[in-house]
PDB file of all heavy atoms in Angstrom:
ATOM      1  N   ASP A   1      76.235  -5.470  14.103  1.00  0.00           N
ATOM      2  CA  ASP A   1      76.998  -5.204  15.222  1.00  0.00           C
ATOM      3  C   ASP A   1      78.453  -5.846  15.212  1.00  0.00           C
ATOM      4  O   ASP A   1      79.225  -5.807  16.188  1.00  0.00           O
ATOM      5  CB  ASP A   1      76.366  -5.694  16.518  1.00  0.00           C
ATOM      6  CG  ASP A   1      76.036  -7.227  16.450  1.00  0.00           C
ATOM      7  OD1 ASP A   1      76.075  -7.772  15.315  1.00  0.00           O
ATOM      8  OD2 ASP A   1      75.669  -7.830  17.459  1.00  0.00           O
ATOM      9  N   ALA A   2      78.835  -6.399  14.087  1.00  0.00           N
ATOM     10  CA  ALA A   2      80.208  -6.987  13.931  1.00  0.00           C
ATOM     11  C   ALA A   2      81.264  -5.864  13.921  1.00  0.00           C
ATOM     12  O   ALA A   2      81.045  -4.803  13.583  1.00  0.00           O
ATOM     13  CB  ALA A   2      80.243  -7.738  12.549  1.00  0.00           C
ATOM     14  N   PRO A   3      82.407  -6.252  14.422  1.00  0.00           N
ATOM     15  CA  PRO A   3      83.569  -5.257  14.423  1.00  0.00           C
ATOM     16  C   PRO A   3      83.791  -4.676  13.071  1.00  0.00           C
ATOM     17  O   PRO A   3      83.706  -5.338  12.045  1.00  0.00           O
ATOM     18  CB  PRO A   3      84.733  -6.083  14.974  1.00  0.00           C
ATOM     19  CG  PRO A   3      84.081  -7.270  15.692  1.00  0.00           C
ATOM     20  CD  PRO A   3      82.800  -7.546  15.020  1.00  0.00           C
ATOM     21  N   GLY A   4      84.095  -3.381  13.138  1.00  0.00           N
ATOM     22  CA  GLY A   4      84.255  -2.693  11.829  1.00  0.00           C
ATOM     23  C   GLY A   4      85.435  -3.265  10.961  1.00  0.00           C
ATOM     24  O   GLY A   4      85.332  -3.208   9.742  1.00  0.00           O
ATOM     25  N   TRP A   5      86.449  -3.838  11.600  1.00  0.00           N
ATOM     26  CA  TRP A   5      87.557  -4.316  10.863  1.00  0.00           C
ATOM     27  C   TRP A   5      87.140  -5.538   9.938  1.00  0.00           C
ATOM     28  O   TRP A   5      87.663  -5.736   8.922  1.00  0.00           O
ATOM     29  CB  TRP A   5      88.700  -4.707  11.727  1.00  0.00           C
ATOM     30  CG  TRP A   5      88.523  -5.896  12.644  1.00  0.00           C
ATOM     31  CD1 TRP A   5      88.044  -5.879  13.912  1.00  0.00           C
ATOM     32  CD2 TRP A   5      88.764  -7.235  12.244  1.00  0.00           C
ATOM     33  NE1 TRP A   5      88.024  -7.207  14.378  1.00  0.00           N
ATOM     34  CE2 TRP A   5      88.410  -8.035  13.367  1.00  0.00           C
ATOM     35  CE3 TRP A   5      89.251  -7.885  11.165  1.00  0.00           C
ATOM     36  CZ2 TRP A   5      88.566  -9.433  13.447  1.00  0.00           C
ATOM     37  CZ3 TRP A   5      89.359  -9.256  11.171  1.00  0.00           C
ATOM     38  CH2 TRP A   5      89.083 -10.004  12.305  1.00  0.00           C
ATOM     39  N   ILE A   6      86.148  -6.344  10.414  1.00  0.00           N
ATOM     40  CA  ILE A   6      85.692  -7.404   9.692  1.00  0.00           C
ATOM     41  C   ILE A   6      85.088  -6.960   8.376  1.00  0.00           C
ATOM     42  O   ILE A   6      85.359  -7.564   7.346  1.00  0.00           O
ATOM     43  CB  ILE A   6      84.723  -8.274  10.541  1.00  0.00           C
ATOM     44  CG1 ILE A   6      85.483  -8.959  11.720  1.00  0.00           C
ATOM     45  CG2 ILE A   6      83.997  -9.370   9.610  1.00  0.00           C
ATOM     46  CD1 ILE A   6      84.588  -9.893  12.541  1.00  0.00           C
ATOM     47  N   THR A   7      84.189  -5.987   8.525  1.00  0.00           N
ATOM     48  CA  THR A   7      83.535  -5.492   7.271  1.00  0.00           C
ATOM     49  C   THR A   7      84.584  -4.808   6.386  1.00  0.00           C
ATOM     50  O   THR A   7      84.499  -5.063   5.131  1.00  0.00           O
ATOM     51  CB  THR A   7      82.496  -4.404   7.667  1.00  0.00           C
ATOM     52  OG1 THR A   7      81.537  -5.004   8.562  1.00  0.00           O
ATOM     53  CG2 THR A   7      81.772  -3.868   6.449  1.00  0.00           C
ATOM     54  N   GLY A   8      85.514  -4.105   6.928  1.00  0.00           N
ATOM     55  CA  GLY A   8      86.601  -3.447   6.169  1.00  0.00           C
ATOM     56  C   GLY A   8      87.402  -4.450   5.376  1.00  0.00           C
ATOM     57  O   GLY A   8      87.704  -4.312   4.177  1.00  0.00           O
ATOM     58  N   VAL A   9      87.842  -5.505   6.091  1.00  0.00           N
ATOM     59  CA  VAL A   9      88.640  -6.490   5.436  1.00  0.00           C
ATOM     60  C   VAL A   9      87.817  -7.238   4.366  1.00  0.00           C
ATOM     61  O   VAL A   9      88.374  -7.459   3.218  1.00  0.00           O
ATOM     62  CB  VAL A   9      89.281  -7.518   6.437  1.00  0.00           C
ATOM     63  CG1 VAL A   9      89.973  -8.617   5.729  1.00  0.00           C
ATOM     64  CG2 VAL A   9      90.278  -6.700   7.322  1.00  0.00           C
ATOM     65  N   SER A  10      86.633  -7.699   4.711  1.00  0.00           N
ATOM     66  CA  SER A  10      85.860  -8.467   3.707  1.00  0.00           C
ATOM     67  C   SER A  10      85.532  -7.652   2.448  1.00  0.00           C
ATOM     68  O   SER A  10      85.455  -8.242   1.383  1.00  0.00           O
ATOM     69  CB  SER A  10      84.626  -8.998   4.399  1.00  0.00           C
ATOM     70  OG  SER A  10      83.813  -7.916   4.757  1.00  0.00           O
ATOM     71  N   ASN A  11      85.312  -6.377   2.606  1.00  0.00           N
ATOM     72  CA  ASN A  11      85.002  -5.573   1.486  1.00  0.00           C
ATOM     73  C   ASN A  11      86.186  -5.363   0.495  1.00  0.00           C
ATOM     74  O   ASN A  11      86.011  -4.917  -0.647  1.00  0.00           O
ATOM     75  CB  ASN A  11      84.504  -4.178   1.849  1.00  0.00           C
ATOM     76  CG  ASN A  11      83.128  -4.231   2.456  1.00  0.00           C
ATOM     77  OD1 ASN A  11      82.292  -5.206   2.100  1.00  0.00           O
ATOM     78  ND2 ASN A  11      82.704  -3.343   3.313  1.00  0.00           N
ATOM     79  N   LEU A  12      87.438  -5.659   0.943  1.00  0.00           N
ATOM     80  CA  LEU A  12      88.527  -5.529   0.084  1.00  0.00           C
ATOM     81  C   LEU A  12      88.764  -6.607  -0.978  1.00  0.00           C
ATOM     82  O   LEU A  12      89.381  -6.568  -1.907  1.00  0.00           O
ATOM     83  CB  LEU A  12      89.839  -5.454   0.898  1.00  0.00           C
ATOM     84  CG  LEU A  12      89.972  -4.190   1.795  1.00  0.00           C
ATOM     85  CD1 LEU A  12      91.227  -4.353   2.654  1.00  0.00           C
ATOM     86  CD2 LEU A  12      90.059  -2.960   1.002  1.00  0.00           C
ATOM     87  N   PHE A  13      88.073  -7.788  -0.667  1.00  0.00           N
ATOM     88  CA  PHE A  13      88.223  -9.024  -1.442  1.00  0.00           C
ATOM     89  C   PHE A  13      86.931  -9.349  -2.093  1.00  0.00           C
ATOM     90  O   PHE A  13      85.842  -8.854  -1.804  1.00  0.00           O
ATOM     91  CB  PHE A  13      88.667 -10.089  -0.559  1.00  0.00           C
ATOM     92  CG  PHE A  13      90.042  -9.778   0.076  1.00  0.00           C
ATOM     93  CD1 PHE A  13      90.155  -9.220   1.313  1.00  0.00           C
ATOM     94  CD2 PHE A  13      91.280 -10.101  -0.617  1.00  0.00           C
ATOM     95  CE1 PHE A  13      91.403  -9.025   1.905  1.00  0.00           C
ATOM     96  CE2 PHE A  13      92.474  -9.836  -0.042  1.00  0.00           C
ATOM     97  CZ  PHE A  13      92.566  -9.310   1.237  1.00  0.00           C
ATOM     98  N   PRO A  14      86.984 -10.253  -3.138  1.00  0.00           N
ATOM     99  CA  PRO A  14      85.773 -10.505  -3.972  1.00  0.00           C
ATOM    100  C   PRO A  14      84.734 -11.373  -3.364  1.00  0.00           C
ATOM    101  O   PRO A  14      83.546 -11.404  -3.886  1.00  0.00           O
ATOM    102  CB  PRO A  14      86.387 -11.133  -5.213  1.00  0.00           C
ATOM    103  CG  PRO A  14      87.605 -11.882  -4.728  1.00  0.00           C
ATOM    104  CD  PRO A  14      88.160 -10.958  -3.698  1.00  0.00           C
ATOM    105  N   VAL A  15      85.032 -12.080  -2.244  1.00  0.00           N
ATOM    106  CA  VAL A  15      84.030 -13.044  -1.728  1.00  0.00           C
ATOM    107  C   VAL A  15      82.698 -12.323  -1.168  1.00  0.00           C
ATOM    108  O   VAL A  15      81.634 -12.709  -1.556  1.00  0.00           O
ATOM    109  CB  VAL A  15      84.658 -13.913  -0.608  1.00  0.00           C
ATOM    110  CG1 VAL A  15      83.557 -14.854  -0.012  1.00  0.00           C
ATOM    111  CG2 VAL A  15      85.765 -14.766  -1.175  1.00  0.00           C
ATOM    112  N   ARG A  16      82.963 -11.325  -0.404  1.00  0.00           N
ATOM    113  CA  ARG A  16      81.812 -10.605   0.204  1.00  0.00           C
ATOM    114  C   ARG A  16      80.937  -9.891  -0.897  1.00  0.00           C
ATOM    115  O   ARG A  16      79.781  -9.997  -0.908  1.00  0.00           O
ATOM    116  CB  ARG A  16      82.306  -9.536   1.206  1.00  0.00           C
ATOM    117  CG  ARG A  16      81.230  -8.710   1.935  1.00  0.00           C
ATOM    118  CD  ARG A  16      80.179  -9.653   2.598  1.00  0.00           C
ATOM    119  NE  ARG A  16      79.103  -8.975   3.151  1.00  0.00           N
ATOM    120  CZ  ARG A  16      79.099  -8.508   4.419  1.00  0.00           C
ATOM    121  NH1 ARG A  16      80.127  -8.708   5.213  1.00  0.00           N
ATOM    122  NH2 ARG A  16      78.045  -7.893   4.888  1.00  0.00           N
ATOM    123  N   PRO A  17      81.598  -9.099  -1.841  1.00  0.00           N
ATOM    124  CA  PRO A  17      80.703  -8.541  -2.908  1.00  0.00           C
ATOM    125  C   PRO A  17      79.912  -9.623  -3.735  1.00  0.00           C
ATOM    126  O   PRO A  17      78.794  -9.424  -4.114  1.00  0.00           O
ATOM    127  CB  PRO A  17      81.636  -7.787  -3.811  1.00  0.00           C
ATOM    128  CG  PRO A  17      82.829  -7.501  -2.921  1.00  0.00           C
ATOM    129  CD  PRO A  17      82.950  -8.677  -1.961  1.00  0.00           C
ATOM    130  N   PHE A  18      80.608 -10.756  -4.037  1.00  0.00           N
ATOM    131  CA  PHE A  18      79.969 -11.850  -4.687  1.00  0.00           C
ATOM    132  C   PHE A  18      78.695 -12.409  -3.909  1.00  0.00           C
ATOM    133  O   PHE A  18      77.654 -12.585  -4.496  1.00  0.00           O
ATOM    134  CB  PHE A  18      80.932 -12.895  -5.006  1.00  0.00           C
ATOM    135  CG  PHE A  18      80.288 -14.149  -5.653  1.00  0.00           C
ATOM    136  CD1 PHE A  18      79.754 -14.082  -6.937  1.00  0.00           C
ATOM    137  CD2 PHE A  18      80.371 -15.375  -4.972  1.00  0.00           C
ATOM    138  CE1 PHE A  18      79.174 -15.241  -7.479  1.00  0.00           C
ATOM    139  CE2 PHE A  18      79.798 -16.516  -5.586  1.00  0.00           C
ATOM    140  CZ  PHE A  18      79.225 -16.447  -6.863  1.00  0.00           C
ATOM    141  N   PHE A  19      78.931 -12.647  -2.614  1.00  0.00           N
ATOM    142  CA  PHE A  19      77.860 -13.190  -1.818  1.00  0.00           C
ATOM    143  C   PHE A  19      76.751 -12.135  -1.701  1.00  0.00           C
ATOM    144  O   PHE A  19      75.582 -12.457  -1.818  1.00  0.00           O
ATOM    145  CB  PHE A  19      78.420 -13.488  -0.395  1.00  0.00           C
ATOM    146  CG  PHE A  19      77.325 -13.920   0.539  1.00  0.00           C
ATOM    147  CD1 PHE A  19      76.401 -14.830   0.199  1.00  0.00           C
ATOM    148  CD2 PHE A  19      77.326 -13.417   1.781  1.00  0.00           C
ATOM    149  CE1 PHE A  19      75.430 -15.278   1.027  1.00  0.00           C
ATOM    150  CE2 PHE A  19      76.334 -13.842   2.725  1.00  0.00           C
ATOM    151  CZ  PHE A  19      75.398 -14.783   2.324  1.00  0.00           C
ATOM    152  N   ASP A  20      77.094 -10.876  -1.571  1.00  0.00           N
ATOM    153  CA  ASP A  20      76.070  -9.812  -1.504  1.00  0.00           C
ATOM    154  C   ASP A  20      75.276  -9.753  -2.740  1.00  0.00           C
ATOM    155  O   ASP A  20      74.015  -9.652  -2.685  1.00  0.00           O
ATOM    156  CB  ASP A  20      76.634  -8.444  -1.181  1.00  0.00           C
ATOM    157  CG  ASP A  20      77.175  -8.279   0.238  1.00  0.00           C
ATOM    158  OD1 ASP A  20      76.728  -9.168   1.102  1.00  0.00           O
ATOM    159  OD2 ASP A  20      77.957  -7.419   0.490  1.00  0.00           O
ATOM    160  N   ALA A  21      75.913  -9.824  -3.904  1.00  0.00           N
ATOM    161  CA  ALA A  21      75.219  -9.835  -5.159  1.00  0.00           C
ATOM    162  C   ALA A  21      74.296 -10.968  -5.274  1.00  0.00           C
ATOM    163  O   ALA A  21      73.146 -10.910  -5.754  1.00  0.00           O
ATOM    164  CB  ALA A  21      76.175  -9.700  -6.311  1.00  0.00           C
ATOM    165  N   MET A  22      74.782 -12.192  -4.890  1.00  0.00           N
ATOM    166  CA  MET A  22      73.975 -13.412  -4.942  1.00  0.00           C
ATOM    167  C   MET A  22      72.706 -13.305  -4.057  1.00  0.00           C
ATOM    168  O   MET A  22      71.660 -13.629  -4.452  1.00  0.00           O
ATOM    169  CB  MET A  22      74.754 -14.623  -4.656  1.00  0.00           C
ATOM    170  CG  MET A  22      75.667 -15.069  -5.731  1.00  0.00           C
ATOM    171  SD  MET A  22      76.241 -16.791  -5.464  1.00  0.00           S
ATOM    172  CE  MET A  22      74.674 -17.734  -5.612  1.00  0.00           C
ATOM    173  N   ALA A  23      72.950 -12.835  -2.845  1.00  0.00           N
ATOM    174  CA  ALA A  23      71.915 -12.733  -1.871  1.00  0.00           C
ATOM    175  C   ALA A  23      70.802 -11.668  -2.291  1.00  0.00           C
ATOM    176  O   ALA A  23      69.605 -11.926  -2.219  1.00  0.00           O
ATOM    177  CB  ALA A  23      72.423 -12.359  -0.512  1.00  0.00           C
ATOM    178  N   ASN A  24      71.298 -10.494  -2.700  1.00  0.00           N
ATOM    179  CA  ASN A  24      70.337  -9.440  -3.129  1.00  0.00           C
ATOM    180  C   ASN A  24      69.570  -9.862  -4.415  1.00  0.00           C
ATOM    181  O   ASN A  24      68.416  -9.316  -4.556  1.00  0.00           O
ATOM    182  CB  ASN A  24      70.994  -8.091  -3.317  1.00  0.00           C
ATOM    183  CG  ASN A  24      71.546  -7.536  -2.029  1.00  0.00           C
ATOM    184  OD1 ASN A  24      71.152  -8.057  -0.971  1.00  0.00           O
ATOM    185  ND2 ASN A  24      72.439  -6.560  -2.104  1.00  0.00           N
ATOM    186  N   SER A  25      70.083 -10.659  -5.249  1.00  0.00           N
ATOM    187  CA  SER A  25      69.272 -11.013  -6.417  1.00  0.00           C
ATOM    188  C   SER A  25      68.438 -12.228  -6.144  1.00  0.00           C
ATOM    189  O   SER A  25      67.329 -12.260  -6.529  1.00  0.00           O
ATOM    190  CB  SER A  25      70.284 -11.460  -7.564  1.00  0.00           C
ATOM    191  OG  SER A  25      71.239 -12.431  -7.192  1.00  0.00           O
TER     192      SER A  25
END
């Protein structure tokens, strides 16, 4: 339910993908 701009901004930079990859593994 987070605002869409937060997801959009975080997906532009490497921290979010790195965290997602760590969490999913």
